[in-house]
Amino acid sequence: FEVDRAAGLAMLRTCVREGGIYAPVAALGWLAFHIDSKTFLGEEQGEEELDECSALLRWAAGEYPSSLFFSLLEADCLACRRRLPEALLVIASASRLPCLDELRAMRAMLHYKQGAYHLAAL
């Protein structure tokens, strides 16, 4: 089947704006594309696009302040802007979330991210 990236991303943003039950999932998907997938694919991230990511992350912080997934995306967004000390602070804060007591693999991933940010800062 044919895929239309722009239409799919627009649908995710509409879902977030409507604020329904799937809004956080749509926000995660939209952010993951712009922050992680574009980085992985080597696609440019413009300042305006990163500003939109930051605005959506501010919304998420207000709605879901203890979300590990939004915290990870926030740290990656900061890293995309080369604000590595701030990204490390977000990782440190996320590392204290109580859910990590049961999610050891996620804790290991936070350590990986922390190491990657330190390495990038060299």
C-alpha atoms as a PDB file:
ATOM      1  CA  PHE A   1       0.000   0.000   0.000  1.00  0.00           C
ATOM      2  CA  GLU A   2       1.041   3.581  -0.542  1.00  0.00           C
ATOM      3  CA  VAL A   3       2.353   5.630   2.373  1.00  0.00           C
ATOM      4  CA  ASP A   4       1.982   9.379   2.814  1.00  0.00           C
ATOM      5  CA  ARG A   5       4.326  10.539   5.565  1.00  0.00           C
ATOM      6  CA  ALA A   6       3.011  14.110   5.687  1.00  0.00           C
ATOM      7  CA  ALA A   7      -0.595  12.944   5.966  1.00  0.00           C
ATOM      8  CA  GLY A   8       0.283  10.477   8.722  1.00  0.00           C
ATOM      9  CA  LEU A   9       2.179  13.093  10.730  1.00  0.00           C
ATOM     10  CA  ALA A  10      -0.684  15.555  10.282  1.00  0.00           C
ATOM     11  CA  MET A  11      -3.125  12.942  11.588  1.00  0.00           C
ATOM     12  CA  LEU A  12      -0.967  12.406  14.665  1.00  0.00           C
ATOM     13  CA  ARG A  13      -0.882  16.162  15.375  1.00  0.00           C
ATOM     14  CA  THR A  14      -4.662  16.370  14.919  1.00  0.00           C
ATOM     15  CA  CYS A  15      -5.109  13.536  17.387  1.00  0.00           C
ATOM     16  CA  VAL A  16      -2.960  15.386  19.937  1.00  0.00           C
ATOM     17  CA  ARG A  17      -4.867  18.652  19.421  1.00  0.00           C
ATOM     18  CA  GLU A  18      -8.206  16.894  19.887  1.00  0.00           C
ATOM     19  CA  GLY A  19      -7.012  15.657  23.277  1.00  0.00           C
ATOM     20  CA  GLY A  20      -8.694  12.285  23.185  1.00  0.00           C
ATOM     21  CA  ILE A  21      -7.636   9.058  24.806  1.00  0.00           C
ATOM     22  CA  TYR A  22      -5.029   8.428  22.092  1.00  0.00           C
ATOM     23  CA  ALA A  23      -3.458  11.904  22.326  1.00  0.00           C
ATOM     24  CA  PRO A  24      -0.419  10.780  24.366  1.00  0.00           C
ATOM     25  CA  VAL A  25       0.233   7.849  22.025  1.00  0.00           C
ATOM     26  CA  ALA A  26      -0.051  10.149  19.010  1.00  0.00           C
ATOM     27  CA  ALA A  27       2.311  12.642  20.662  1.00  0.00           C
ATOM     28  CA  LEU A  28       4.852   9.900  21.330  1.00  0.00           C
ATOM     29  CA  GLY A  29       4.646   8.743  17.722  1.00  0.00           C
ATOM     30  CA  TRP A  30       4.987  12.245  16.297  1.00  0.00           C
ATOM     31  CA  LEU A  31       7.885  13.114  18.597  1.00  0.00           C
ATOM     32  CA  ALA A  32       9.643   9.798  17.996  1.00  0.00           C
ATOM     33  CA  PHE A  33       9.538  10.407  14.264  1.00  0.00           C
ATOM     34  CA  HIS A  34      10.892  13.954  14.451  1.00  0.00           C
ATOM     35  CA  ILE A  35      13.476  13.346  17.156  1.00  0.00           C
ATOM     36  CA  ASP A  36      14.599   9.734  16.746  1.00  0.00           C
ATOM     37  CA  SER A  37      13.671   8.520  13.278  1.00  0.00           C
ATOM     38  CA  LYS A  38      14.877  11.605  11.427  1.00  0.00           C
ATOM     39  CA  THR A  39      18.170  11.453  13.327  1.00  0.00           C
ATOM     40  CA  PHE A  40      18.544   7.764  12.536  1.00  0.00           C
ATOM     41  CA  LEU A  41      17.745   8.363   8.857  1.00  0.00           C
ATOM     42  CA  GLY A  42      20.142  11.314   8.638  1.00  0.00           C
ATOM     43  CA  GLU A  43      17.368  13.756   7.760  1.00  0.00           C
ATOM     44  CA  GLU A  44      17.654  17.417   8.670  1.00  0.00           C
ATOM     45  CA  GLN A  45      15.855  18.765  11.709  1.00  0.00           C
ATOM     46  CA  GLY A  46      15.162  22.463  11.363  1.00  0.00           C
ATOM     47  CA  GLU A  47      15.060  24.834  14.301  1.00  0.00           C
ATOM     48  CA  GLU A  48      11.348  25.431  13.735  1.00  0.00           C
ATOM     49  CA  GLU A  49      10.685  21.694  13.821  1.00  0.00           C
ATOM     50  CA  LEU A  50      12.671  21.289  17.043  1.00  0.00           C
ATOM     51  CA  ASP A  51      10.753  24.232  18.514  1.00  0.00           C
ATOM     52  CA  GLU A  52       7.516  22.389  17.728  1.00  0.00           C
ATOM     53  CA  CYS A  53       8.935  19.278  19.418  1.00  0.00           C
ATOM     54  CA  SER A  54       9.837  21.345  22.485  1.00  0.00           C
ATOM     55  CA  ALA A  55       6.335  22.814  22.641  1.00  0.00           C
ATOM     56  CA  LEU A  56       4.788  19.354  22.489  1.00  0.00           C
ATOM     57  CA  LEU A  57       7.210  18.137  25.169  1.00  0.00           C
ATOM     58  CA  ARG A  58       6.150  21.044  27.428  1.00  0.00           C
ATOM     59  CA  TRP A  59       2.524  19.937  26.959  1.00  0.00           C
ATOM     60  CA  ALA A  60       3.528  16.361  27.818  1.00  0.00           C
ATOM     61  CA  ALA A  61       5.411  17.475  30.944  1.00  0.00           C
ATOM     62  CA  GLY A  62       2.242  19.178  32.181  1.00  0.00           C
ATOM     63  CA  GLU A  63      -0.036  16.274  31.360  1.00  0.00           C
ATOM     64  CA  TYR A  64       2.289  13.334  32.146  1.00  0.00           C
ATOM     65  CA  PRO A  65       5.025  14.647  34.472  1.00  0.00           C
ATOM     66  CA  SER A  66       6.374  11.198  35.399  1.00  0.00           C
ATOM     67  CA  SER A  67       6.452   9.726  31.912  1.00  0.00           C
ATOM     68  CA  LEU A  68       9.659   7.877  31.198  1.00  0.00           C
ATOM     69  CA  PHE A  69       8.949   7.889  27.461  1.00  0.00           C
ATOM     70  CA  PHE A  70       8.383  11.637  27.194  1.00  0.00           C
ATOM     71  CA  SER A  71      11.466  12.205  29.370  1.00  0.00           C
ATOM     72  CA  LEU A  72      13.596  10.157  26.992  1.00  0.00           C
ATOM     73  CA  LEU A  73      12.311  12.112  24.016  1.00  0.00           C
ATOM     74  CA  GLU A  74      12.928  15.398  25.844  1.00  0.00           C
ATOM     75  CA  ALA A  75      16.530  14.377  26.508  1.00  0.00           C
ATOM     76  CA  ASP A  76      17.007  13.396  22.877  1.00  0.00           C
ATOM     77  CA  CYS A  77      15.466  16.671  21.705  1.00  0.00           C
ATOM     78  CA  LEU A  78      17.915  18.587  23.875  1.00  0.00           C
ATOM     79  CA  ALA A  79      20.762  16.464  22.520  1.00  0.00           C
ATOM     80  CA  CYS A  80      19.638  17.258  18.940  1.00  0.00           C
ATOM     81  CA  ARG A  81      20.084  20.924  19.867  1.00  0.00           C
ATOM     82  CA  ARG A  82      23.543  20.075  21.288  1.00  0.00           C
ATOM     83  CA  ARG A  83      22.388  21.015  24.790  1.00  0.00           C
ATOM     84  CA  LEU A  84      24.033  17.944  26.300  1.00  0.00           C
ATOM     85  CA  PRO A  85      24.322  19.141  29.940  1.00  0.00           C
ATOM     86  CA  GLU A  86      20.543  19.731  29.992  1.00  0.00           C
ATOM     87  CA  ALA A  87      19.910  16.367  28.325  1.00  0.00           C
ATOM     88  CA  LEU A  88      21.984  14.704  31.042  1.00  0.00           C
ATOM     89  CA  LEU A  89      19.902  16.433  33.732  1.00  0.00           C
ATOM     90  CA  VAL A  90      16.713  15.055  32.163  1.00  0.00           C
ATOM     91  CA  ILE A  91      18.237  11.557  32.119  1.00  0.00           C
ATOM     92  CA  ALA A  92      19.297  11.935  35.758  1.00  0.00           C
ATOM     93  CA  SER A  93      15.767  12.971  36.718  1.00  0.00           C
ATOM     94  CA  ALA A  94      14.231  10.112  34.724  1.00  0.00           C
ATOM     95  CA  SER A  95      16.617   7.693  36.445  1.00  0.00           C
ATOM     96  CA  ARG A  96      14.865   8.434  39.743  1.00  0.00           C
ATOM     97  CA  LEU A  97      11.402   7.431  38.506  1.00  0.00           C
ATOM     98  CA  PRO A  98       9.973   4.636  40.693  1.00  0.00           C
ATOM     99  CA  CYS A  99       8.807   2.627  37.667  1.00  0.00           C
ATOM    100  CA  LEU A 100      12.447   1.767  36.941  1.00  0.00           C
ATOM    101  CA  ASP A 101      12.542  -0.544  39.958  1.00  0.00           C
ATOM    102  CA  GLU A 102      10.587  -3.018  37.837  1.00  0.00           C
ATOM    103  CA  LEU A 103      11.871  -1.986  34.407  1.00  0.00           C
ATOM    104  CA  ARG A 104      15.529  -2.939  34.598  1.00  0.00           C
ATOM    105  CA  ALA A 105      16.000  -2.936  30.823  1.00  0.00           C
ATOM    106  CA  MET A 106      14.783   0.665  30.703  1.00  0.00           C
ATOM    107  CA  ARG A 107      17.234   1.565  33.454  1.00  0.00           C
ATOM    108  CA  ALA A 108      20.020   0.011  31.373  1.00  0.00           C
ATOM    109  CA  MET A 109      18.879   2.050  28.380  1.00  0.00           C
ATOM    110  CA  LEU A 110      19.048   5.232  30.456  1.00  0.00           C
ATOM    111  CA  HIS A 111      22.640   4.362  31.341  1.00  0.00           C
ATOM    112  CA  TYR A 112      23.366   3.854  27.647  1.00  0.00           C
ATOM    113  CA  LYS A 113      21.865   7.264  26.801  1.00  0.00           C
ATOM    114  CA  GLN A 114      23.822   8.875  29.600  1.00  0.00           C
ATOM    115  CA  GLY A 115      27.048   7.363  28.264  1.00  0.00           C
ATOM    116  CA  ALA A 116      26.237   8.424  24.699  1.00  0.00           C
ATOM    117  CA  TYR A 117      25.634  12.022  25.801  1.00  0.00           C
ATOM    118  CA  HIS A 118      28.881  12.078  27.788  1.00  0.00           C
ATOM    119  CA  LEU A 119      30.731  10.683  24.778  1.00  0.00           C
ATOM    120  CA  ALA A 120      29.176  13.296  22.490  1.00  0.00           C
ATOM    121  CA  ALA A 121      30.277  16.034  24.884  1.00  0.00           C
ATOM    122  CA  LEU A 122      33.955  15.107  24.606  1.00  0.00           C
END
